[in-house]
Amino acid sequence: MCGIVGVVAERNSVPILMEGLRRLEYRGYDSAGVAVLQNGRVARQRTVGKVNALQEALDAAPITGYVGIAHTRWATHVITTT
């Protein structure tokens, strides 16, 4: 199951988006991402795994913006090995 959170704020929207993703964790997912408008361009961070992995990636390489969207996703493809 997927979940989407959007924010238009008067402050950095990333913490708000991350809280929204944490509230959607019960739905099940295998990856998460966040994108914000930063200096007129889209800045994004995506990770495989739990929201905690996304938070760690954002801690290592922060992005900020007043407008943003975030998602959790359950992959619709199968990874095979040969």
PDB file of N, CA and C in Angstrom:
ATOM      1  N   MET A   1       0.844  -1.169   0.000  1.00  0.00           N
ATOM      2  CA  MET A   1       0.000   0.000   0.000  1.00  0.00           C
ATOM      3  C   MET A   1       0.888   1.230   0.000  1.00  0.00           C
ATOM      4  N   CYS A   2       0.495   2.252  -0.717  1.00  0.00           N
ATOM      5  CA  CYS A   2       1.269   3.489  -0.806  1.00  0.00           C
ATOM      6  C   CYS A   2       0.602   4.587   0.012  1.00  0.00           C
ATOM      7  N   GLY A   3       1.393   5.589   0.358  1.00  0.00           N
ATOM      8  CA  GLY A   3       0.865   6.745   1.063  1.00  0.00           C
ATOM      9  C   GLY A   3       1.554   7.998   0.566  1.00  0.00           C
ATOM     10  N   ILE A   4       0.817   9.109   0.505  1.00  0.00           N
ATOM     11  CA  ILE A   4       1.359  10.378   0.031  1.00  0.00           C
ATOM     12  C   ILE A   4       0.989  11.474   1.016  1.00  0.00           C
ATOM     13  N   VAL A   5       1.960  12.349   1.284  1.00  0.00           N
ATOM     14  CA  VAL A   5       1.761  13.504   2.166  1.00  0.00           C
ATOM     15  C   VAL A   5       2.249  14.728   1.399  1.00  0.00           C
ATOM     16  N   GLY A   6       1.487  15.803   1.410  1.00  0.00           N
ATOM     17  CA  GLY A   6       1.901  17.057   0.786  1.00  0.00           C
ATOM     18  C   GLY A   6       1.818  18.192   1.782  1.00  0.00           C
ATOM     19  N   VAL A   7       2.704  19.174   1.638  1.00  0.00           N
ATOM     20  CA  VAL A   7       2.754  20.289   2.582  1.00  0.00           C
ATOM     21  C   VAL A   7       3.075  21.592   1.850  1.00  0.00           C
ATOM     22  N   VAL A   8       2.368  22.642   2.205  1.00  0.00           N
ATOM     23  CA  VAL A   8       2.729  24.017   1.880  1.00  0.00           C
ATOM     24  C   VAL A   8       2.790  24.713   3.226  1.00  0.00           C
ATOM     25  N   ALA A   9       3.969  25.189   3.621  1.00  0.00           N
ATOM     26  CA  ALA A   9       4.147  25.715   4.974  1.00  0.00           C
ATOM     27  C   ALA A   9       4.891  27.045   4.942  1.00  0.00           C
ATOM     28  N   GLU A  10       4.930  27.694   6.090  1.00  0.00           N
ATOM     29  CA  GLU A  10       5.697  28.925   6.255  1.00  0.00           C
ATOM     30  C   GLU A  10       7.048  28.641   6.902  1.00  0.00           C
ATOM     31  N   ARG A  11       7.408  27.369   7.005  1.00  0.00           N
ATOM     32  CA  ARG A  11       8.696  26.939   7.549  1.00  0.00           C
ATOM     33  C   ARG A  11       9.137  25.703   6.781  1.00  0.00           C
ATOM     34  N   ASN A  12      10.286  25.179   7.112  1.00  0.00           N
ATOM     35  CA  ASN A  12      10.791  23.985   6.442  1.00  0.00           C
ATOM     36  C   ASN A  12       9.748  22.868   6.517  1.00  0.00           C
ATOM     37  N   SER A  13       9.363  22.358   5.381  1.00  0.00           N
ATOM     38  CA  SER A  13       8.313  21.338   5.339  1.00  0.00           C
ATOM     39  C   SER A  13       8.824  19.925   5.586  1.00  0.00           C
ATOM     40  N   VAL A  14      10.137  19.692   5.528  1.00  0.00           N
ATOM     41  CA  VAL A  14      10.666  18.332   5.640  1.00  0.00           C
ATOM     42  C   VAL A  14      10.281  17.657   6.965  1.00  0.00           C
ATOM     43  N   PRO A  15      10.435  18.309   8.126  1.00  0.00           N
ATOM     44  CA  PRO A  15      10.004  17.634   9.363  1.00  0.00           C
ATOM     45  C   PRO A  15       8.506  17.293   9.376  1.00  0.00           C
ATOM     46  N   ILE A  16       7.697  18.135   8.787  1.00  0.00           N
ATOM     47  CA  ILE A  16       6.252  17.870   8.718  1.00  0.00           C
ATOM     48  C   ILE A  16       5.995  16.664   7.814  1.00  0.00           C
ATOM     49  N   LEU A  17       6.668  16.630   6.678  1.00  0.00           N
ATOM     50  CA  LEU A  17       6.524  15.500   5.755  1.00  0.00           C
ATOM     51  C   LEU A  17       6.970  14.195   6.405  1.00  0.00           C
ATOM     52  N   MET A  18       8.076  14.245   7.124  1.00  0.00           N
ATOM     53  CA  MET A  18       8.585  13.032   7.775  1.00  0.00           C
ATOM     54  C   MET A  18       7.614  12.541   8.847  1.00  0.00           C
ATOM     55  N   GLU A  19       7.016  13.432   9.588  1.00  0.00           N
ATOM     56  CA  GLU A  19       6.016  13.020  10.584  1.00  0.00           C
ATOM     57  C   GLU A  19       4.815  12.378   9.894  1.00  0.00           C
ATOM     58  N   GLY A  20       4.408  12.944   8.766  1.00  0.00           N
ATOM     59  CA  GLY A  20       3.322  12.336   8.001  1.00  0.00           C
ATOM     60  C   GLY A  20       3.662  10.926   7.554  1.00  0.00           C
ATOM     61  N   LEU A  21       4.899  10.712   7.088  1.00  0.00           N
ATOM     62  CA  LEU A  21       5.308   9.365   6.679  1.00  0.00           C
ATOM     63  C   LEU A  21       5.322   8.412   7.867  1.00  0.00           C
ATOM     64  N   ARG A  22       5.781   8.888   9.014  1.00  0.00           N
ATOM     65  CA  ARG A  22       5.777   8.023  10.212  1.00  0.00           C
ATOM     66  C   ARG A  22       4.357   7.575  10.560  1.00  0.00           C
ATOM     67  N   ARG A  23       3.402   8.447  10.349  1.00  0.00           N
ATOM     68  CA  ARG A  23       2.006   8.101  10.641  1.00  0.00           C
ATOM     69  C   ARG A  23       1.423   7.123   9.623  1.00  0.00           C
ATOM     70  N   LEU A  24       2.060   7.004   8.478  1.00  0.00           N
ATOM     71  CA  LEU A  24       1.594   6.072   7.445  1.00  0.00           C
ATOM     72  C   LEU A  24       2.307   4.726   7.499  1.00  0.00           C
ATOM     73  N   GLU A  25       3.270   4.566   8.390  1.00  0.00           N
ATOM     74  CA  GLU A  25       4.071   3.341   8.421  1.00  0.00           C
ATOM     75  C   GLU A  25       3.242   2.077   8.611  1.00  0.00           C
ATOM     76  N   TYR A  26       2.156   2.155   9.322  1.00  0.00           N
ATOM     77  CA  TYR A  26       1.334   0.972   9.599  1.00  0.00           C
ATOM     78  C   TYR A  26       0.773   0.345   8.324  1.00  0.00           C
ATOM     79  N   ARG A  27       0.771   1.090   7.233  1.00  0.00           N
ATOM     80  CA  ARG A  27       0.154   0.615   5.995  1.00  0.00           C
ATOM     81  C   ARG A  27       1.028  -0.373   5.231  1.00  0.00           C
ATOM     82  N   GLY A  28       2.301  -0.449   5.564  1.00  0.00           N
ATOM     83  CA  GLY A  28       3.202  -1.352   4.865  1.00  0.00           C
ATOM     84  C   GLY A  28       3.803  -0.703   3.632  1.00  0.00           C
ATOM     85  N   TYR A  29       5.092  -0.870   3.449  1.00  0.00           N
ATOM     86  CA  TYR A  29       5.803  -0.278   2.327  1.00  0.00           C
ATOM     87  C   TYR A  29       7.217  -0.837   2.309  1.00  0.00           C
ATOM     88  N   ASP A  30       7.950  -0.573   1.210  1.00  0.00           N
ATOM     89  CA  ASP A  30       9.339  -1.015   1.150  1.00  0.00           C
ATOM     90  C   ASP A  30      10.306   0.091   0.753  1.00  0.00           C
ATOM     91  N   SER A  31       9.790   1.293   0.509  1.00  0.00           N
ATOM     92  CA  SER A  31      10.661   2.422   0.201  1.00  0.00           C
ATOM     93  C   SER A  31       9.927   3.719   0.519  1.00  0.00           C
ATOM     94  N   ALA A  32      10.692   4.796   0.619  1.00  0.00           N
ATOM     95  CA  ALA A  32      10.106   6.093   0.942  1.00  0.00           C
ATOM     96  C   ALA A  32      10.931   7.189   0.289  1.00  0.00           C
ATOM     97  N   GLY A  33      10.298   8.332   0.068  1.00  0.00           N
ATOM     98  CA  GLY A  33      11.010   9.448  -0.531  1.00  0.00           C
ATOM     99  C   GLY A  33      10.359  10.767  -0.184  1.00  0.00           C
ATOM    100  N   VAL A  34      11.133  11.828  -0.346  1.00  0.00           N
ATOM    101  CA  VAL A  34      10.643  13.178  -0.092  1.00  0.00           C
ATOM    102  C   VAL A  34      11.229  14.097  -1.158  1.00  0.00           C
ATOM    103  N   ALA A  35      10.428  15.066  -1.609  1.00  0.00           N
ATOM    104  CA  ALA A  35      10.880  16.060  -2.579  1.00  0.00           C
ATOM    105  C   ALA A  35      10.339  17.418  -2.152  1.00  0.00           C
ATOM    106  N   VAL A  36      11.188  18.445  -2.252  1.00  0.00           N
ATOM    107  CA  VAL A  36      10.790  19.809  -1.884  1.00  0.00           C
ATOM    108  C   VAL A  36      11.287  20.778  -2.943  1.00  0.00           C
ATOM    109  N   LEU A  37      10.635  21.934  -3.024  1.00  0.00           N
ATOM    110  CA  LEU A  37      11.151  23.016  -3.844  1.00  0.00           C
ATOM    111  C   LEU A  37      12.210  23.734  -3.030  1.00  0.00           C
ATOM    112  N   GLN A  38      13.432  23.729  -3.529  1.00  0.00           N
ATOM    113  CA  GLN A  38      14.561  24.334  -2.828  1.00  0.00           C
ATOM    114  C   GLN A  38      15.260  25.275  -3.801  1.00  0.00           C
ATOM    115  N   ASN A  39      15.178  26.572  -3.541  1.00  0.00           N
ATOM    116  CA  ASN A  39      15.796  27.575  -4.418  1.00  0.00           C
ATOM    117  C   ASN A  39      15.332  27.442  -5.864  1.00  0.00           C
ATOM    118  N   GLY A  40      14.030  27.222  -6.038  1.00  0.00           N
ATOM    119  CA  GLY A  40      13.451  27.145  -7.368  1.00  0.00           C
ATOM    120  C   GLY A  40      13.666  25.828  -8.106  1.00  0.00           C
ATOM    121  N   ARG A  41      14.274  24.847  -7.452  1.00  0.00           N
ATOM    122  CA  ARG A  41      14.513  23.540  -8.066  1.00  0.00           C
ATOM    123  C   ARG A  41      13.973  22.447  -7.150  1.00  0.00           C
ATOM    124  N   VAL A  42      13.729  21.294  -7.711  1.00  0.00           N
ATOM    125  CA  VAL A  42      13.268  20.165  -6.911  1.00  0.00           C
ATOM    126  C   VAL A  42      14.484  19.469  -6.312  1.00  0.00           C
ATOM    127  N   ALA A  43      14.477  19.334  -4.990  1.00  0.00           N
ATOM    128  CA  ALA A  43      15.499  18.562  -4.277  1.00  0.00           C
ATOM    129  C   ALA A  43      14.802  17.331  -3.727  1.00  0.00           C
ATOM    130  N   ARG A  44      15.436  16.173  -3.840  1.00  0.00           N
ATOM    131  CA  ARG A  44      14.772  14.953  -3.398  1.00  0.00           C
ATOM    132  C   ARG A  44      15.747  14.013  -2.709  1.00  0.00           C
ATOM    133  N   GLN A  45      15.161  13.135  -1.928  1.00  0.00           N
ATOM    134  CA  GLN A  45      15.901  12.059  -1.272  1.00  0.00           C
ATOM    135  C   GLN A  45      14.992  10.845  -1.270  1.00  0.00           C
ATOM    136  N   ARG A  46      15.531   9.692  -1.680  1.00  0.00           N
ATOM    137  CA  ARG A  46      14.755   8.454  -1.713  1.00  0.00           C
ATOM    138  C   ARG A  46      15.597   7.350  -1.086  1.00  0.00           C
ATOM    139  N   THR A  47      14.930   6.414  -0.427  1.00  0.00           N
ATOM    140  CA  THR A  47      15.635   5.274   0.146  1.00  0.00           C
ATOM    141  C   THR A  47      14.780   4.019   0.052  1.00  0.00           C
ATOM    142  N   VAL A  48      15.450   2.899   0.036  1.00  0.00           N
ATOM    143  CA  VAL A  48      14.801   1.602   0.170  1.00  0.00           C
ATOM    144  C   VAL A  48      14.774   1.312   1.658  1.00  0.00           C
ATOM    145  N   GLY A  49      13.690   0.748   2.135  1.00  0.00           N
ATOM    146  CA  GLY A  49      13.596   0.413   3.543  1.00  0.00           C
ATOM    147  C   GLY A  49      12.621   1.317   4.278  1.00  0.00           C
ATOM    148  N   LYS A  50      12.781   1.370   5.550  1.00  0.00           N
ATOM    149  CA  LYS A  50      11.845   2.085   6.423  1.00  0.00           C
ATOM    150  C   LYS A  50      12.076   3.598   6.424  1.00  0.00           C
ATOM    151  N   VAL A  51      11.107   4.318   6.968  1.00  0.00           N
ATOM    152  CA  VAL A  51      11.188   5.771   7.071  1.00  0.00           C
ATOM    153  C   VAL A  51      12.441   6.176   7.846  1.00  0.00           C
ATOM    154  N   ASN A  52      12.849   5.363   8.789  1.00  0.00           N
ATOM    155  CA  ASN A  52      14.064   5.650   9.550  1.00  0.00           C
ATOM    156  C   ASN A  52      15.280   5.753   8.629  1.00  0.00           C
ATOM    157  N   ALA A  53      15.355   4.914   7.595  1.00  0.00           N
ATOM    158  CA  ALA A  53      16.456   4.986   6.624  1.00  0.00           C
ATOM    159  C   ALA A  53      16.418   6.307   5.863  1.00  0.00           C
ATOM    160  N   LEU A  54      15.222   6.766   5.526  1.00  0.00           N
ATOM    161  CA  LEU A  54      15.078   8.061   4.863  1.00  0.00           C
ATOM    162  C   LEU A  54      15.529   9.179   5.791  1.00  0.00           C
ATOM    163  N   GLN A  55      15.154   9.108   7.060  1.00  0.00           N
ATOM    164  CA  GLN A  55      15.570  10.132   8.020  1.00  0.00           C
ATOM    165  C   GLN A  55      17.096  10.174   8.140  1.00  0.00           C
ATOM    166  N   GLU A  56      17.726   9.016   8.178  1.00  0.00           N
ATOM    167  CA  GLU A  56      19.189   8.964   8.251  1.00  0.00           C
ATOM    168  C   GLU A  56      19.828   9.594   7.010  1.00  0.00           C
ATOM    169  N   ALA A  57      19.255   9.340   5.848  1.00  0.00           N
ATOM    170  CA  ALA A  57      19.774   9.940   4.613  1.00  0.00           C
ATOM    171  C   ALA A  57      19.609  11.456   4.636  1.00  0.00           C
ATOM    172  N   LEU A  58      18.474  11.936   5.155  1.00  0.00           N
ATOM    173  CA  LEU A  58      18.247  13.374   5.257  1.00  0.00           C
ATOM    174  C   LEU A  58      19.159  14.009   6.300  1.00  0.00           C
ATOM    175  N   ASP A  59      19.454  13.292   7.363  1.00  0.00           N
ATOM    176  CA  ASP A  59      20.390  13.810   8.361  1.00  0.00           C
ATOM    177  C   ASP A  59      21.778  13.973   7.745  1.00  0.00           C
ATOM    178  N   ALA A  60      22.162  13.046   6.883  1.00  0.00           N
ATOM    179  CA  ALA A  60      23.482  13.082   6.246  1.00  0.00           C
ATOM    180  C   ALA A  60      23.556  14.138   5.136  1.00  0.00           C
ATOM    181  N   ALA A  61      22.451  14.354   4.429  1.00  0.00           N
ATOM    182  CA  ALA A  61      22.413  15.311   3.314  1.00  0.00           C
ATOM    183  C   ALA A  61      21.075  16.051   3.361  1.00  0.00           C
ATOM    184  N   PRO A  62      20.960  17.060   4.235  1.00  0.00           N
ATOM    185  CA  PRO A  62      19.675  17.746   4.434  1.00  0.00           C
ATOM    186  C   PRO A  62      19.185  18.481   3.186  1.00  0.00           C
ATOM    187  N   ILE A  63      17.876  18.502   3.035  1.00  0.00           N
ATOM    188  CA  ILE A  63      17.211  19.345   2.053  1.00  0.00           C
ATOM    189  C   ILE A  63      16.170  20.154   2.808  1.00  0.00           C
ATOM    190  N   THR A  64      15.835  21.330   2.290  1.00  0.00           N
ATOM    191  CA  THR A  64      14.843  22.186   2.941  1.00  0.00           C
ATOM    192  C   THR A  64      13.968  22.835   1.874  1.00  0.00           C
ATOM    193  N   GLY A  65      12.757  23.142   2.257  1.00  0.00           N
ATOM    194  CA  GLY A  65      11.843  23.844   1.365  1.00  0.00           C
ATOM    195  C   GLY A  65      10.499  24.029   2.036  1.00  0.00           C
ATOM    196  N   TYR A  66       9.785  25.048   1.595  1.00  0.00           N
ATOM    197  CA  TYR A  66       8.469  25.346   2.170  1.00  0.00           C
ATOM    198  C   TYR A  66       7.346  24.537   1.536  1.00  0.00           C
ATOM    199  N   VAL A  67       7.582  24.007   0.348  1.00  0.00           N
ATOM    200  CA  VAL A  67       6.587  23.215  -0.382  1.00  0.00           C
ATOM    201  C   VAL A  67       7.198  21.845  -0.652  1.00  0.00           C
ATOM    202  N   GLY A  68       6.453  20.786  -0.323  1.00  0.00           N
ATOM    203  CA  GLY A  68       7.016  19.465  -0.545  1.00  0.00           C
ATOM    204  C   GLY A  68       5.980  18.366  -0.595  1.00  0.00           C
ATOM    205  N   ILE A  69       6.445  17.212  -1.007  1.00  0.00           N
ATOM    206  CA  ILE A  69       5.622  16.009  -1.076  1.00  0.00           C
ATOM    207  C   ILE A  69       6.494  14.841  -0.640  1.00  0.00           C
ATOM    208  N   ALA A  70       5.870  13.861  -0.017  1.00  0.00           N
ATOM    209  CA  ALA A  70       6.595  12.669   0.426  1.00  0.00           C
ATOM    210  C   ALA A  70       5.718  11.455   0.181  1.00  0.00           C
ATOM    211  N   HIS A  71       6.366  10.285   0.077  1.00  0.00           N
ATOM    212  CA  HIS A  71       5.591   9.079  -0.193  1.00  0.00           C
ATOM    213  C   HIS A  71       6.241   7.848   0.436  1.00  0.00           C
ATOM    214  N   THR A  72       5.397   6.883   0.698  1.00  0.00           N
ATOM    215  CA  THR A  72       5.843   5.519   0.962  1.00  0.00           C
ATOM    216  C   THR A  72       5.312   4.688  -0.194  1.00  0.00           C
ATOM    217  N   ARG A  73       6.029   3.609  -0.507  1.00  0.00           N
ATOM    218  CA  ARG A  73       5.660   2.834  -1.690  1.00  0.00           C
ATOM    219  C   ARG A  73       5.945   1.359  -1.477  1.00  0.00           C
ATOM    220  N   TRP A  74       5.052   0.547  -1.961  1.00  0.00           N
ATOM    221  CA  TRP A  74       5.278  -0.878  -2.020  1.00  0.00           C
ATOM    222  C   TRP A  74       5.608  -1.192  -3.469  1.00  0.00           C
ATOM    223  N   ALA A  75       6.787  -1.756  -3.729  1.00  0.00           N
ATOM    224  CA  ALA A  75       7.233  -1.992  -5.097  1.00  0.00           C
ATOM    225  C   ALA A  75       6.232  -2.831  -5.869  1.00  0.00           C
ATOM    226  N   THR A  76       6.049  -2.483  -7.114  1.00  0.00           N
ATOM    227  CA  THR A  76       5.112  -3.210  -7.977  1.00  0.00           C
ATOM    228  C   THR A  76       5.876  -4.117  -8.938  1.00  0.00           C
ATOM    229  N   HIS A  77       7.157  -4.306  -8.716  1.00  0.00           N
ATOM    230  CA  HIS A  77       7.964  -5.159  -9.583  1.00  0.00           C
ATOM    231  C   HIS A  77       8.661  -6.230  -8.747  1.00  0.00           C
ATOM    232  N   VAL A  78       9.118  -7.231  -9.421  1.00  0.00           N
ATOM    233  CA  VAL A  78       9.824  -8.329  -8.755  1.00  0.00           C
ATOM    234  C   VAL A  78      11.286  -8.267  -9.157  1.00  0.00           C
ATOM    235  N   ILE A  79      12.172  -8.340  -8.190  1.00  0.00           N
ATOM    236  CA  ILE A  79      13.600  -8.372  -8.458  1.00  0.00           C
ATOM    237  C   ILE A  79      14.026  -9.826  -8.530  1.00  0.00           C
ATOM    238  N   THR A  80      14.646 -10.204  -9.624  1.00  0.00           N
ATOM    239  CA  THR A  80      15.110 -11.577  -9.759  1.00  0.00           C
ATOM    240  C   THR A  80      16.629 -11.586  -9.851  1.00  0.00           C
ATOM    241  N   THR A  81      17.220 -12.682  -9.424  1.00  0.00           N
ATOM    242  CA  THR A  81      18.660 -12.860  -9.547  1.00  0.00           C
ATOM    243  C   THR A  81      18.943 -14.002 -10.487  1.00  0.00           C
ATOM    244  N   THR A  82      20.057 -13.927 -11.173  1.00  0.00           N
ATOM    245  CA  THR A  82      20.411 -15.005 -12.101  1.00  0.00           C
ATOM    246  C   THR A  82      21.683 -15.686 -11.671  1.00  0.00           C
TER     247      THR A  82
END
